[in-house]
């Protein structure tokens, strides 16, 4: 556990440095996004791989479109931007476009609440691309294809004016995005520990969008918040020094693209497409462009072994 926490700390620090390096714009968030995001990703140079594409189920190949469910409020992975402010952008979006190119499919991003994505796989969506942490519990209902390393991080208002201690959150008001690992099992377990010790319960405030959690923290409506390390580091770098990380990242592990449980063929096609992109350098180029190279992995796997 100690070694995992050290790795998490290194990951958090590295991500702060990388994301801060590409977010030096004005305090206005919209202006900052306009000047800090990479140029639009161009997948036209990626050659389709007929062997990998042949793995895709005929129902998807016939329609020629890979339907993706994504919570587009989770910068820098997926969020709305572009000239109209409504175009999905982020490193997940670029990676999905690249996967689609390898599979010779168009990619259609569909905005969804985070908690609604997994139940809709195989019916509404072909893939869930929304920085999902891979857990044993989630793999009971869906397949995962690993593609990044992430963790959990906490943040408070700058200067920690409420003297929040991550190891003593009993009686505190904590914000979290609905449906995330930070909500369940992390805060559920922490709250159970408070109650077992005869202390006040944690007042958990689950909100649909991470941006709403961040806004409420900055406004003083929360004592602290928890989120995925990559997005938390990005949020801190975009906060105009109004929030800061609290403690080290922890529960560092693999994140993945979700696929319907019965669709092993599409899962394998997705894994092979990612590995092709890793081998030819496209994967690393995408992560570098978004300042998140630290989350990269060397090999994508279907349903990898995880520790929790």
Protein backbone atom coordinates (compact mmCIF):
# COMPACT_ATOMS: atom_id res chain seq x y z
CA UNK A 1 0.00 0.00 0.00
CA UNK A 2 2.81 2.38 0.78
CA UNK A 3 4.46 1.80 -2.58
CA UNK A 4 1.15 2.42 -4.36
CA UNK A 5 0.77 5.72 -2.54
CA UNK A 6 4.28 6.80 -3.52
CA UNK A 7 3.58 5.99 -7.15
CA UNK A 8 0.34 7.94 -6.87
CA UNK A 9 2.15 10.96 -5.54
CA UNK A 10 4.62 10.85 -8.41
CA UNK A 11 1.77 10.49 -10.87
CA UNK A 12 -0.10 13.47 -9.42
CA UNK A 13 2.97 15.70 -9.41
CA UNK A 14 3.88 14.71 -12.96
CA UNK A 15 0.37 15.37 -14.20
CA UNK A 16 0.25 18.79 -12.57
CA UNK A 17 3.47 19.77 -14.27
CA UNK A 18 2.39 18.44 -17.63
CA UNK A 19 -1.11 19.88 -17.64
CA UNK A 20 -0.02 23.20 -16.20
CA UNK A 21 2.46 23.46 -19.04
CA UNK A 22 -0.34 23.53 -21.60
CA UNK A 23 -2.85 25.69 -19.71
CA UNK A 24 -1.24 29.10 -19.34
CA UNK A 25 -4.12 31.14 -20.75
CA UNK A 26 -6.29 33.83 -19.20
CA UNK A 27 -8.41 33.17 -16.13
CA UNK A 28 -11.60 33.01 -18.12
CA UNK A 29 -12.17 29.27 -18.63
CA UNK A 30 -13.49 29.50 -22.17
CA UNK A 31 -10.56 31.60 -23.29
CA UNK A 32 -8.17 29.27 -21.50
CA UNK A 33 -9.61 26.27 -23.28
CA UNK A 34 -9.37 27.99 -26.66
CA UNK A 35 -5.67 28.70 -26.23
CA UNK A 36 -4.61 25.57 -24.38
CA UNK A 37 -6.12 22.70 -26.35
CA UNK A 38 -4.11 21.06 -29.13
CA UNK A 39 -4.96 21.52 -32.78
CA UNK A 40 -7.85 19.30 -33.94
CA UNK A 41 -6.74 15.70 -34.32
CA UNK A 42 -6.47 14.46 -37.90
CA UNK A 43 -7.00 10.71 -38.25
CA UNK A 44 -6.84 10.76 -42.05
CA UNK A 45 -3.20 9.66 -42.07
CA UNK A 46 -4.01 6.46 -40.16
CA UNK A 47 -4.33 3.45 -42.44
CA UNK A 48 -7.11 0.97 -41.71
CA UNK A 49 -5.92 -2.49 -40.69
CA UNK A 50 -8.05 -5.03 -42.55
CA UNK A 51 -7.06 -7.88 -40.23
CA UNK A 52 -8.08 -6.03 -37.10
CA UNK A 53 -11.16 -4.53 -38.76
CA UNK A 54 -12.35 -8.04 -39.65
CA UNK A 55 -12.78 -8.73 -35.91
CA UNK A 56 -15.50 -6.10 -35.62
CA UNK A 57 -19.00 -7.63 -35.47
CA UNK A 58 -20.90 -7.40 -38.76
CA UNK A 59 -23.69 -5.36 -37.15
CA UNK A 60 -21.22 -2.54 -36.55
CA UNK A 61 -19.28 -2.98 -39.79
CA UNK A 62 -22.49 -2.82 -41.81
CA UNK A 63 -23.51 0.53 -40.36
CA UNK A 64 -19.93 1.81 -40.59
CA UNK A 65 -20.14 3.78 -37.36
CA UNK A 66 -18.71 3.18 -33.90
CA UNK A 67 -21.20 4.65 -31.42
CA UNK A 68 -19.49 5.92 -28.28
CA UNK A 69 -21.00 6.92 -24.95
CA UNK A 70 -19.02 9.53 -23.04
CA UNK A 71 -19.47 11.98 -20.20
CA UNK A 72 -18.18 15.07 -22.01
CA UNK A 73 -17.60 17.11 -18.86
CA UNK A 74 -14.32 15.51 -17.83
CA UNK A 75 -11.43 17.60 -19.15
CA UNK A 76 -8.86 16.89 -20.43
CA UNK A 77 -10.18 13.44 -21.38
CA UNK A 78 -13.48 14.48 -22.93
CA UNK A 79 -15.23 17.84 -22.82
CA UNK A 80 -17.07 20.24 -25.11
CA UNK A 81 -15.11 22.91 -26.98
CA UNK A 82 -14.23 23.90 -30.51
CA UNK A 83 -15.53 26.95 -32.34
CA UNK A 84 -19.12 26.21 -31.33
CA UNK A 85 -18.31 25.18 -27.78
CA UNK A 86 -20.27 21.98 -28.35
CA UNK A 87 -17.75 19.75 -30.10
CA UNK A 88 -16.37 16.82 -28.08
CA UNK A 89 -12.60 17.22 -27.64
CA UNK A 90 -9.94 15.68 -25.41
CA UNK A 91 -7.40 12.88 -25.43
CA UNK A 92 -10.14 10.23 -25.20
CA UNK A 93 -11.87 11.75 -28.23
CA UNK A 94 -8.65 11.76 -30.25
CA UNK A 95 -7.85 8.18 -29.26
CA UNK A 96 -11.36 7.03 -30.21
CA UNK A 97 -11.00 8.72 -33.62
CA UNK A 98 -7.70 6.89 -34.11
CA UNK A 99 -9.24 3.56 -33.10
CA UNK A 100 -12.06 4.17 -35.55
CA UNK A 101 -9.55 4.84 -38.32
CA UNK A 102 -7.74 1.55 -37.64
CA UNK A 103 -11.09 -0.27 -37.72
CA UNK A 104 -12.21 1.63 -40.85
CA UNK A 105 -15.22 3.06 -39.02
CA UNK A 106 -16.56 6.54 -38.47
CA UNK A 107 -16.80 7.58 -34.82
CA UNK A 108 -19.90 9.10 -33.27
CA UNK A 109 -19.53 10.63 -29.79
CA UNK A 110 -22.72 10.74 -27.72
CA UNK A 111 -22.83 12.77 -24.52
CA UNK A 112 -24.21 10.81 -21.58
CA UNK A 113 -24.29 10.99 -17.82
CA UNK A 114 -21.36 8.96 -16.55
CA UNK A 115 -23.51 6.53 -14.57
CA UNK A 116 -25.72 5.81 -17.61
CA UNK A 117 -22.95 4.67 -19.98
CA UNK A 118 -22.20 1.12 -18.82
CA UNK A 119 -25.87 0.00 -18.70
CA UNK A 120 -26.33 1.19 -22.32
CA UNK A 121 -23.44 -0.78 -23.84
CA UNK A 122 -24.49 -3.18 -26.55
CA UNK A 123 -27.78 -1.38 -27.12
CA UNK A 124 -27.22 2.35 -27.37
CA UNK A 125 -23.41 2.46 -27.41
CA UNK A 126 -20.73 0.19 -28.85
CA UNK A 127 -17.97 1.56 -26.61
CA UNK A 128 -17.87 3.50 -23.36
CA UNK A 129 -14.97 5.95 -23.58
CA UNK A 130 -14.96 8.04 -20.43
CA UNK A 131 -11.80 7.32 -18.40
CA UNK A 132 -13.37 4.40 -16.55
CA UNK A 133 -11.28 2.91 -13.79
CA UNK A 134 -11.13 -0.86 -14.23
CA UNK A 135 -12.43 -2.72 -11.20
CA UNK A 136 -13.28 -6.33 -10.51
CA UNK A 137 -16.84 -5.30 -9.72
CA UNK A 138 -17.31 -3.45 -13.00
CA UNK A 139 -15.86 -6.36 -14.96
CA UNK A 140 -18.72 -8.53 -13.74
CA UNK A 141 -21.03 -6.68 -16.12
CA UNK A 142 -18.82 -5.30 -18.92
CA UNK A 143 -15.51 -5.99 -20.64
CA UNK A 144 -12.67 -3.50 -20.36
CA UNK A 145 -9.76 -2.75 -22.67
CA UNK A 146 -6.94 -1.10 -20.70
CA UNK A 147 -5.39 2.06 -22.12
CA UNK A 148 -4.17 4.32 -19.29
CA UNK A 149 -3.01 4.46 -15.67
CA UNK A 150 -5.01 6.61 -13.28
CA UNK A 151 -5.80 7.05 -9.62
CA UNK A 152 -7.79 9.09 -7.10
CA UNK A 153 -6.90 12.61 -6.00
CA UNK A 154 -8.44 15.11 -3.61
CA UNK A 155 -8.64 18.89 -3.72
CA UNK A 156 -9.57 21.73 -1.39
CA UNK A 157 -9.73 25.50 -1.65
CA UNK A 158 -6.28 27.04 -2.00
CA UNK A 159 -4.54 27.29 1.34
CA UNK A 160 -6.85 24.64 2.81
CA UNK A 161 -8.70 27.26 4.91
CA UNK A 162 -10.90 24.61 6.54
CA UNK A 163 -7.88 22.50 7.57
CA UNK A 164 -9.18 19.38 5.87
CA UNK A 165 -7.34 16.15 6.62
CA UNK A 166 -7.94 13.40 4.05
CA UNK A 167 -7.62 10.81 6.83
CA UNK A 168 -10.27 12.48 9.01
CA UNK A 169 -13.26 13.43 6.85
CA UNK A 170 -15.95 12.51 9.37
CA UNK A 171 -18.55 15.28 9.53
CA UNK A 172 -17.16 17.01 6.44
CA UNK A 173 -19.02 17.86 3.24
CA UNK A 174 -17.37 16.11 0.29
CA UNK A 175 -18.25 16.48 -3.38
CA UNK A 176 -17.90 13.72 -5.94
CA UNK A 177 -19.20 12.85 -9.40
CA UNK A 178 -22.05 10.34 -9.41
CA UNK A 179 -21.15 6.82 -10.48
CA UNK A 180 -17.39 7.10 -10.00
CA UNK A 181 -15.07 4.93 -7.93
CA UNK A 182 -14.59 7.93 -5.67
CA UNK A 183 -18.27 7.76 -4.73
CA UNK A 184 -18.42 3.98 -4.46
CA UNK A 185 -16.52 2.32 -2.89
CA UNK A 186 -14.15 5.05 -1.65
CA UNK A 187 -16.50 7.44 0.14
CA UNK A 188 -18.89 4.67 1.13
CA UNK A 189 -16.02 2.85 2.85
CA UNK A 190 -14.73 6.04 4.48
CA UNK A 191 -18.20 6.87 5.75
CA UNK A 192 -18.67 3.37 7.16
CA UNK A 193 -15.40 3.79 9.07
CA UNK A 194 -16.65 7.08 10.55
CA UNK A 195 -19.90 5.51 11.71
CA UNK A 196 -18.12 2.46 13.14
CA UNK A 197 -15.92 4.79 15.18
CA UNK A 198 -18.97 6.61 16.54
CA UNK A 199 -18.13 9.79 14.61
CA UNK A 200 -20.31 12.01 12.47
CA UNK A 201 -21.09 10.76 8.98
CA UNK A 202 -19.43 12.25 5.92
CA UNK A 203 -21.92 14.44 4.08
CA UNK A 204 -21.42 13.12 0.55
CA UNK A 205 -22.60 15.46 -2.21
CA UNK A 206 -22.85 13.51 -5.49
CA UNK A 207 -23.26 15.65 -8.62
CA UNK A 208 -23.69 14.62 -12.25
CA UNK A 209 -20.75 16.62 -13.65
CA UNK A 210 -17.24 17.06 -12.34
CA UNK A 211 -17.36 20.72 -13.36
CA UNK A 212 -20.32 21.20 -11.00
CA UNK A 213 -18.35 19.66 -8.14
CA UNK A 214 -15.38 21.93 -8.87
CA UNK A 215 -17.59 25.03 -9.05
CA UNK A 216 -19.22 24.24 -5.72
CA UNK A 217 -15.86 23.66 -4.03
CA UNK A 218 -14.50 26.99 -5.25
CA UNK A 219 -17.70 28.73 -4.10
CA UNK A 220 -17.17 27.36 -0.59
CA UNK A 221 -20.09 24.94 -0.69
CA UNK A 222 -17.87 21.91 -0.12
CA UNK A 223 -15.05 21.14 2.29
CA UNK A 224 -13.25 18.90 -0.20
CA UNK A 225 -13.74 16.93 -3.41
CA UNK A 226 -12.43 13.68 -4.87
CA UNK A 227 -11.97 12.71 -8.53
CA UNK A 228 -9.74 10.85 -10.95
CA UNK A 229 -6.14 12.03 -10.81
CA UNK A 230 -5.86 13.14 -14.44
CA UNK A 231 -9.01 15.26 -14.44
CA UNK A 232 -8.38 16.58 -10.93
CA UNK A 233 -4.91 17.76 -11.87
CA UNK A 234 -6.33 19.45 -14.96
CA UNK A 235 -9.12 21.07 -12.91
CA UNK A 236 -6.59 22.45 -10.43
CA UNK A 237 -4.47 23.87 -13.24
CA UNK A 238 -7.58 25.59 -14.69
CA UNK A 239 -8.86 27.00 -11.40
CA UNK A 240 -6.94 30.29 -11.42
CA UNK A 241 -5.22 29.24 -8.18
CA UNK A 242 -8.55 28.85 -6.39
CA UNK A 243 -8.03 25.18 -5.49
CA UNK A 244 -5.13 22.87 -4.73
CA UNK A 245 -4.46 19.15 -4.41
CA UNK A 246 -4.72 17.58 -0.98
CA UNK A 247 -2.31 14.76 -0.18
CA UNK A 248 -1.05 12.15 -2.62
CA UNK A 249 -2.94 10.23 -5.27
CA UNK A 250 -3.83 6.65 -4.36
CA UNK A 251 -5.57 3.55 -5.76
CA UNK A 252 -3.39 3.95 -8.82
CA UNK A 253 -4.41 1.40 -11.41
CA UNK A 254 -5.56 0.74 -14.94
CA UNK A 255 -8.35 2.56 -16.73
CA UNK A 256 -10.13 1.26 -19.77
CA UNK A 257 -12.61 1.46 -22.61
CA UNK A 258 -15.81 -0.41 -21.78
CA UNK A 259 -17.50 -2.92 -24.10
CA UNK A 260 -20.65 -5.00 -23.65
CA UNK A 261 -19.91 -8.17 -21.70
CA UNK A 262 -20.98 -10.48 -24.50
CA UNK A 263 -18.94 -8.73 -27.17
CA UNK A 264 -15.47 -10.21 -26.87
CA UNK A 265 -14.85 -9.73 -30.61
CA UNK A 266 -15.22 -5.95 -30.41
CA UNK A 267 -13.19 -5.95 -27.18
CA UNK A 268 -10.33 -7.75 -28.92
CA UNK A 269 -10.56 -5.51 -31.99
CA UNK A 270 -10.34 -2.44 -29.74
CA UNK A 271 -7.33 -3.83 -27.87
CA UNK A 272 -5.51 -4.69 -31.09
CA UNK A 273 -6.29 -1.26 -32.54
CA UNK A 274 -4.84 0.46 -29.48
CA UNK A 275 -1.73 -1.73 -29.59
CA UNK A 276 -1.25 -0.84 -33.25
CA UNK A 277 -1.49 2.86 -32.29
CA UNK A 278 1.01 2.29 -29.48
CA UNK A 279 3.42 0.58 -31.87
CA UNK A 280 3.25 3.27 -34.56
CA UNK A 281 3.55 6.18 -32.09
CA UNK A 282 0.08 7.67 -32.61
CA UNK A 283 -1.01 6.82 -29.07
CA UNK A 284 1.97 8.59 -27.54
CA UNK A 285 1.53 11.58 -29.85
CA UNK A 286 -2.04 12.00 -28.61
CA UNK A 287 -1.05 11.82 -24.94
CA UNK A 288 1.86 14.21 -25.52
CA UNK A 289 -0.39 16.71 -27.28
CA UNK A 290 -2.70 16.86 -24.25
CA UNK A 291 0.12 16.95 -21.72
CA UNK A 292 -0.76 13.59 -20.14
CA UNK A 293 2.03 11.33 -21.34
CA UNK A 294 2.50 10.08 -17.78
CA UNK A 295 -0.72 8.04 -17.97
CA UNK A 296 0.46 5.94 -20.94
CA UNK A 297 0.83 2.16 -20.92
CA UNK A 298 2.87 -0.22 -23.08
CA UNK A 299 0.18 -2.76 -23.93
CA UNK A 300 -3.62 -2.82 -24.05
CA UNK A 301 -5.34 -5.91 -22.67
CA UNK A 302 -8.88 -7.22 -22.55
CA UNK A 303 -10.06 -7.63 -18.96
CA UNK A 304 -6.66 -7.26 -17.29
CA UNK A 305 -6.04 -8.43 -13.76
CA UNK A 306 -6.57 -5.59 -11.29
CA UNK A 307 -6.05 -5.33 -7.57
CA UNK A 308 -9.49 -4.07 -6.58
